[in-house]
Amino acid sequence: MDDHIASDGIRIAVDVAGPDDARTVVLVHGLAASVELGWGAFGVLDRLAAAGLRTVAVVAVQAALWP
């Protein structure tokens, strides 16, 4: 997962998977989950990959990854 710093100083984590030229699905979650818990554990990431889609999963809540 890549760590990005927004212009206002907030850290945002982004997990990108799949071909660059594929149709893209952006996944955003919140609360106290992570990309793996929110999308990976239920097979969503695997099903989207199997469909040939590119996924961009954004961690919307800083507390999900960092204290």
PDB file of N, CA and C in Angstrom:
ATOM      1  N   MET A   1       0.833  -1.163   0.000  1.00  0.00           N
ATOM      2  CA  MET A   1       0.000   0.000   0.000  1.00  0.00           C
ATOM      3  C   MET A   1       0.885   1.236   0.000  1.00  0.00           C
ATOM      4  N   ASP A   2       0.597   2.151  -0.904  1.00  0.00           N
ATOM      5  CA  ASP A   2       1.370   3.383  -1.005  1.00  0.00           C
ATOM      6  C   ASP A   2       0.812   4.439  -0.058  1.00  0.00           C
ATOM      7  N   ASP A   3       1.687   5.202   0.534  1.00  0.00           N
ATOM      8  CA  ASP A   3       1.338   6.269   1.459  1.00  0.00           C
ATOM      9  C   ASP A   3       1.495   7.597   0.732  1.00  0.00           C
ATOM     10  N   HIS A   4       0.435   8.377   0.685  1.00  0.00           N
ATOM     11  CA  HIS A   4       0.472   9.680   0.036  1.00  0.00           C
ATOM     12  C   HIS A   4       0.140  10.753   1.055  1.00  0.00           C
ATOM     13  N   ILE A   5       0.711  11.928   0.885  1.00  0.00           N
ATOM     14  CA  ILE A   5       0.421  13.060   1.751  1.00  0.00           C
ATOM     15  C   ILE A   5      -0.420  14.055   0.956  1.00  0.00           C
ATOM     16  N   ALA A   6      -1.630  14.330   1.452  1.00  0.00           N
ATOM     17  CA  ALA A   6      -2.504  15.292   0.788  1.00  0.00           C
ATOM     18  C   ALA A   6      -1.992  16.712   1.039  1.00  0.00           C
ATOM     19  N   SER A   7      -2.503  17.663   0.285  1.00  0.00           N
ATOM     20  CA  SER A   7      -2.031  19.043   0.398  1.00  0.00           C
ATOM     21  C   SER A   7      -2.268  19.640   1.784  1.00  0.00           C
ATOM     22  N   ASP A   8      -3.231  19.094   2.528  1.00  0.00           N
ATOM     23  CA  ASP A   8      -3.500  19.609   3.870  1.00  0.00           C
ATOM     24  C   ASP A   8      -2.754  18.829   4.945  1.00  0.00           C
ATOM     25  N   GLY A   9      -1.834  17.932   4.533  1.00  0.00           N
ATOM     26  CA  GLY A   9      -1.007  17.191   5.476  1.00  0.00           C
ATOM     27  C   GLY A   9      -1.574  15.869   5.944  1.00  0.00           C
ATOM     28  N   ILE A  10      -2.783  15.519   5.542  1.00  0.00           N
ATOM     29  CA  ILE A  10      -3.392  14.252   5.928  1.00  0.00           C
ATOM     30  C   ILE A  10      -2.740  13.121   5.137  1.00  0.00           C
ATOM     31  N   ARG A  11      -2.387  12.033   5.829  1.00  0.00           N
ATOM     32  CA  ARG A  11      -1.824  10.873   5.142  1.00  0.00           C
ATOM     33  C   ARG A  11      -2.965  10.001   4.617  1.00  0.00           C
ATOM     34  N   ILE A  12      -2.850   9.604   3.370  1.00  0.00           N
ATOM     35  CA  ILE A  12      -3.850   8.765   2.714  1.00  0.00           C
ATOM     36  C   ILE A  12      -3.126   7.558   2.131  1.00  0.00           C
ATOM     37  N   ALA A  13      -3.657   6.379   2.372  1.00  0.00           N
ATOM     38  CA  ALA A  13      -3.071   5.168   1.807  1.00  0.00           C
ATOM     39  C   ALA A  13      -3.894   4.737   0.593  1.00  0.00           C
ATOM     40  N   VAL A  14      -3.194   4.357  -0.473  1.00  0.00           N
ATOM     41  CA  VAL A  14      -3.845   3.938  -1.708  1.00  0.00           C
ATOM     42  C   VAL A  14      -3.235   2.621  -2.162  1.00  0.00           C
ATOM     43  N   ASP A  15      -4.087   1.660  -2.465  1.00  0.00           N
ATOM     44  CA  ASP A  15      -3.646   0.356  -2.953  1.00  0.00           C
ATOM     45  C   ASP A  15      -4.168   0.189  -4.376  1.00  0.00           C
ATOM     46  N   VAL A  16      -3.271   0.186  -5.359  1.00  0.00           N
ATOM     47  CA  VAL A  16      -3.649   0.084  -6.768  1.00  0.00           C
ATOM     48  C   VAL A  16      -3.258  -1.290  -7.282  1.00  0.00           C
ATOM     49  N   ALA A  17      -4.191  -1.957  -7.963  1.00  0.00           N
ATOM     50  CA  ALA A  17      -3.920  -3.277  -8.531  1.00  0.00           C
ATOM     51  C   ALA A  17      -4.583  -3.388  -9.898  1.00  0.00           C
ATOM     52  N   GLY A  18      -3.979  -4.171 -10.757  1.00  0.00           N
ATOM     53  CA  GLY A  18      -4.549  -4.420 -12.079  1.00  0.00           C
ATOM     54  C   GLY A  18      -3.867  -3.608 -13.157  1.00  0.00           C
ATOM     55  N   PRO A  19      -4.200  -3.905 -14.408  1.00  0.00           N
ATOM     56  CA  PRO A  19      -3.567  -3.243 -15.551  1.00  0.00           C
ATOM     57  C   PRO A  19      -3.900  -1.748 -15.603  1.00  0.00           C
ATOM     58  N   ASP A  20      -2.915  -0.933 -15.970  1.00  0.00           N
ATOM     59  CA  ASP A  20      -3.110   0.514 -16.056  1.00  0.00           C
ATOM     60  C   ASP A  20      -4.168   0.911 -17.076  1.00  0.00           C
ATOM     61  N   ASP A  21      -4.338   0.108 -18.126  1.00  0.00           N
ATOM     62  CA  ASP A  21      -5.274   0.475 -19.188  1.00  0.00           C
ATOM     63  C   ASP A  21      -6.665  -0.148 -19.000  1.00  0.00           C
ATOM     64  N   ALA A  22      -6.899  -0.818 -17.888  1.00  0.00           N
ATOM     65  CA  ALA A  22      -8.200  -1.443 -17.641  1.00  0.00           C
ATOM     66  C   ALA A  22      -9.196  -0.428 -17.083  1.00  0.00           C
ATOM     67  N   ARG A  23     -10.477  -0.746 -17.208  1.00  0.00           N
ATOM     68  CA  ARG A  23     -11.495   0.070 -16.545  1.00  0.00           C
ATOM     69  C   ARG A  23     -11.200   0.045 -15.052  1.00  0.00           C
ATOM     70  N   THR A  24     -11.405   1.174 -14.381  1.00  0.00           N
ATOM     71  CA  THR A  24     -10.987   1.327 -12.993  1.00  0.00           C
ATOM     72  C   THR A  24     -12.177   1.446 -12.053  1.00  0.00           C
ATOM     73  N   VAL A  25     -12.086   0.748 -10.939  1.00  0.00           N
ATOM     74  CA  VAL A  25     -13.071   0.833  -9.868  1.00  0.00           C
ATOM     75  C   VAL A  25     -12.365   1.437  -8.657  1.00  0.00           C
ATOM     76  N   VAL A  26     -12.934   2.495  -8.093  1.00  0.00           N
ATOM     77  CA  VAL A  26     -12.375   3.122  -6.903  1.00  0.00           C
ATOM     78  C   VAL A  26     -13.172   2.623  -5.694  1.00  0.00           C
ATOM     79  N   LEU A  27     -12.449   2.064  -4.726  1.00  0.00           N
ATOM     80  CA  LEU A  27     -13.072   1.521  -3.519  1.00  0.00           C
ATOM     81  C   LEU A  27     -12.693   2.418  -2.345  1.00  0.00           C
ATOM     82  N   VAL A  28     -13.698   2.921  -1.639  1.00  0.00           N
ATOM     83  CA  VAL A  28     -13.464   3.794  -0.492  1.00  0.00           C
ATOM     84  C   VAL A  28     -14.189   3.199   0.708  1.00  0.00           C
ATOM     85  N   HIS A  29     -13.490   3.085   1.800  1.00  0.00           N
ATOM     86  CA  HIS A  29     -14.133   2.589   3.020  1.00  0.00           C
ATOM     87  C   HIS A  29     -13.842   3.576   4.132  1.00  0.00           C
ATOM     88  N   GLY A  30     -14.462   3.353   5.249  1.00  0.00           N
ATOM     89  CA  GLY A  30     -14.245   4.247   6.372  1.00  0.00           C
ATOM     90  C   GLY A  30     -14.300   3.483   7.675  1.00  0.00           C
ATOM     91  N   LEU A  31     -14.498   4.194   8.722  1.00  0.00           N
ATOM     92  CA  LEU A  31     -14.534   3.665  10.082  1.00  0.00           C
ATOM     93  C   LEU A  31     -13.209   3.007  10.418  1.00  0.00           C
ATOM     94  N   ALA A  32     -13.236   1.941  11.180  1.00  0.00           N
ATOM     95  CA  ALA A  32     -11.995   1.356  11.696  1.00  0.00           C
ATOM     96  C   ALA A  32     -11.581   0.112  10.928  1.00  0.00           C
ATOM     97  N   ALA A  33     -11.769   0.108   9.644  1.00  0.00           N
ATOM     98  CA  ALA A  33     -11.412  -1.052   8.827  1.00  0.00           C
ATOM     99  C   ALA A  33     -10.155  -0.741   8.023  1.00  0.00           C
ATOM    100  N   SER A  34      -9.722  -1.706   7.257  1.00  0.00           N
ATOM    101  CA  SER A  34      -8.607  -1.525   6.341  1.00  0.00           C
ATOM    102  C   SER A  34      -9.060  -2.025   4.975  1.00  0.00           C
ATOM    103  N   VAL A  35      -8.236  -1.817   3.974  1.00  0.00           N
ATOM    104  CA  VAL A  35      -8.573  -2.328   2.643  1.00  0.00           C
ATOM    105  C   VAL A  35      -8.741  -3.840   2.701  1.00  0.00           C
ATOM    106  N   GLU A  36      -7.835  -4.517   3.389  1.00  0.00           N
ATOM    107  CA  GLU A  36      -7.913  -5.973   3.477  1.00  0.00           C
ATOM    108  C   GLU A  36      -9.195  -6.430   4.180  1.00  0.00           C
ATOM    109  N   LEU A  37      -9.527  -5.795   5.287  1.00  0.00           N
ATOM    110  CA  LEU A  37     -10.748  -6.181   6.009  1.00  0.00           C
ATOM    111  C   LEU A  37     -12.009  -5.762   5.264  1.00  0.00           C
ATOM    112  N   GLY A  38     -11.974  -4.584   4.669  1.00  0.00           N
ATOM    113  CA  GLY A  38     -13.169  -4.069   4.016  1.00  0.00           C
ATOM    114  C   GLY A  38     -13.453  -4.677   2.652  1.00  0.00           C
ATOM    115  N   TRP A  39     -12.418  -4.966   1.883  1.00  0.00           N
ATOM    116  CA  TRP A  39     -12.611  -5.448   0.510  1.00  0.00           C
ATOM    117  C   TRP A  39     -11.942  -6.787   0.245  1.00  0.00           C
ATOM    118  N   GLY A  40     -10.815  -7.059   0.875  1.00  0.00           N
ATOM    119  CA  GLY A  40     -10.097  -8.305   0.623  1.00  0.00           C
ATOM    120  C   GLY A  40     -10.727  -9.520   1.275  1.00  0.00           C
ATOM    121  N   ALA A  41     -11.111  -9.391   2.528  1.00  0.00           N
ATOM    122  CA  ALA A  41     -11.626 -10.539   3.283  1.00  0.00           C
ATOM    123  C   ALA A  41     -12.914 -11.101   2.690  1.00  0.00           C
ATOM    124  N   PHE A  42     -13.674 -10.277   2.004  1.00  0.00           N
ATOM    125  CA  PHE A  42     -14.948 -10.725   1.433  1.00  0.00           C
ATOM    126  C   PHE A  42     -14.831 -11.103  -0.041  1.00  0.00           C
ATOM    127  N   GLY A  43     -13.598 -11.086  -0.569  1.00  0.00           N
ATOM    128  CA  GLY A  43     -13.367 -11.525  -1.942  1.00  0.00           C
ATOM    129  C   GLY A  43     -13.655 -10.483  -3.009  1.00  0.00           C
ATOM    130  N   VAL A  44     -13.948  -9.262  -2.608  1.00  0.00           N
ATOM    131  CA  VAL A  44     -14.276  -8.220  -3.584  1.00  0.00           C
ATOM    132  C   VAL A  44     -13.084  -7.933  -4.490  1.00  0.00           C
ATOM    133  N   LEU A  45     -11.897  -7.765  -3.906  1.00  0.00           N
ATOM    134  CA  LEU A  45     -10.704  -7.483  -4.714  1.00  0.00           C
ATOM    135  C   LEU A  45     -10.424  -8.613  -5.699  1.00  0.00           C
ATOM    136  N   ASP A  46     -10.557  -9.854  -5.261  1.00  0.00           N
ATOM    137  CA  ASP A  46     -10.308 -11.006  -6.133  1.00  0.00           C
ATOM    138  C   ASP A  46     -11.312 -11.065  -7.282  1.00  0.00           C
ATOM    139  N   ARG A  47     -12.582 -10.800  -6.987  1.00  0.00           N
ATOM    140  CA  ARG A  47     -13.614 -10.856  -8.040  1.00  0.00           C
ATOM    141  C   ARG A  47     -13.424  -9.742  -9.067  1.00  0.00           C
ATOM    142  N   LEU A  48     -13.050  -8.562  -8.607  1.00  0.00           N
ATOM    143  CA  LEU A  48     -12.810  -7.471  -9.546  1.00  0.00           C
ATOM    144  C   LEU A  48     -11.584  -7.754 -10.410  1.00  0.00           C
ATOM    145  N   ALA A  49     -10.536  -8.311  -9.814  1.00  0.00           N
ATOM    146  CA  ALA A  49      -9.339  -8.681 -10.579  1.00  0.00           C
ATOM    147  C   ALA A  49      -9.667  -9.756 -11.611  1.00  0.00           C
ATOM    148  N   ALA A  50     -10.473 -10.734 -11.215  1.00  0.00           N
ATOM    149  CA  ALA A  50     -10.856 -11.805 -12.141  1.00  0.00           C
ATOM    150  C   ALA A  50     -11.666 -11.262 -13.318  1.00  0.00           C
ATOM    151  N   ALA A  51     -12.349 -10.143 -13.106  1.00  0.00           N
ATOM    152  CA  ALA A  51     -13.125  -9.515 -14.174  1.00  0.00           C
ATOM    153  C   ALA A  51     -12.260  -8.616 -15.052  1.00  0.00           C
ATOM    154  N   GLY A  52     -10.954  -8.542 -14.751  1.00  0.00           N
ATOM    155  CA  GLY A  52     -10.034  -7.751 -15.554  1.00  0.00           C
ATOM    156  C   GLY A  52     -10.039  -6.269 -15.239  1.00  0.00           C
ATOM    157  N   LEU A  53     -10.563  -5.903 -14.086  1.00  0.00           N
ATOM    158  CA  LEU A  53     -10.644  -4.496 -13.708  1.00  0.00           C
ATOM    159  C   LEU A  53      -9.436  -4.060 -12.895  1.00  0.00           C
ATOM    160  N   ARG A  54      -9.143  -2.803 -12.957  1.00  0.00           N
ATOM    161  CA  ARG A  54      -8.100  -2.188 -12.127  1.00  0.00           C
ATOM    162  C   ARG A  54      -8.802  -1.640 -10.893  1.00  0.00           C
ATOM    163  N   THR A  55      -8.223  -1.834  -9.726  1.00  0.00           N
ATOM    164  CA  THR A  55      -8.830  -1.316  -8.505  1.00  0.00           C
ATOM    165  C   THR A  55      -7.916  -0.284  -7.861  1.00  0.00           C
ATOM    166  N   VAL A  56      -8.522   0.749  -7.345  1.00  0.00           N
ATOM    167  CA  VAL A  56      -7.834   1.767  -6.564  1.00  0.00           C
ATOM    168  C   VAL A  56      -8.576   1.813  -5.233  1.00  0.00           C
ATOM    169  N   ALA A  57      -7.975   1.240  -4.205  1.00  0.00           N
ATOM    170  CA  ALA A  57      -8.600   1.187  -2.888  1.00  0.00           C
ATOM    171  C   ALA A  57      -7.989   2.275  -2.011  1.00  0.00           C
ATOM    172  N   VAL A  58      -8.829   3.152  -1.501  1.00  0.00           N
ATOM    173  CA  VAL A  58      -8.391   4.305  -0.729  1.00  0.00           C
ATOM    174  C   VAL A  58      -8.772   4.116   0.733  1.00  0.00           C
ATOM    175  N   VAL A  59      -7.822   4.344   1.626  1.00  0.00           N
ATOM    176  CA  VAL A  59      -8.110   4.327   3.057  1.00  0.00           C
ATOM    177  C   VAL A  59      -8.525   5.742   3.426  1.00  0.00           C
ATOM    178  N   ALA A  60      -9.803   5.908   3.742  1.00  0.00           N
ATOM    179  CA  ALA A  60     -10.358   7.226   3.993  1.00  0.00           C
ATOM    180  C   ALA A  60     -10.157   7.700   5.418  1.00  0.00           C
ATOM    181  N   VAL A  61      -9.920   6.793   6.329  1.00  0.00           N
ATOM    182  CA  VAL A  61      -9.754   7.167   7.722  1.00  0.00           C
ATOM    183  C   VAL A  61      -8.316   6.914   8.127  1.00  0.00           C
ATOM    184  N   GLN A  62      -7.618   7.963   8.501  1.00  0.00           N
ATOM    185  CA  GLN A  62      -6.203   7.874   8.860  1.00  0.00           C
ATOM    186  C   GLN A  62      -5.980   6.882   9.992  1.00  0.00           C
ATOM    187  N   ALA A  63      -6.900   6.800  10.920  1.00  0.00           N
ATOM    188  CA  ALA A  63      -6.738   5.929  12.086  1.00  0.00           C
ATOM    189  C   ALA A  63      -6.747   4.455  11.735  1.00  0.00           C
ATOM    190  N   ALA A  64      -7.184   4.102  10.541  1.00  0.00           N
ATOM    191  CA  ALA A  64      -7.227   2.698  10.153  1.00  0.00           C
ATOM    192  C   ALA A  64      -5.828   2.098  10.069  1.00  0.00           C
ATOM    193  N   LEU A  65      -4.830   2.911   9.729  1.00  0.00           N
ATOM    194  CA  LEU A  65      -3.473   2.390   9.565  1.00  0.00           C
ATOM    195  C   LEU A  65      -2.465   2.989  10.534  1.00  0.00           C
ATOM    196  N   TRP A  66      -2.702   4.196  10.984  1.00  0.00           N
ATOM    197  CA  TRP A  66      -1.715   4.879  11.793  1.00  0.00           C
ATOM    198  C   TRP A  66      -2.312   5.317  13.121  1.00  0.00           C
ATOM    199  N   PRO A  67      -1.552   5.175  14.189  1.00  0.00           N
ATOM    200  CA  PRO A  67      -2.070   5.628  15.497  1.00  0.00           C
ATOM    201  C   PRO A  67      -2.198   7.129  15.569  1.00  0.00           C
TER     202      PRO A  67
END
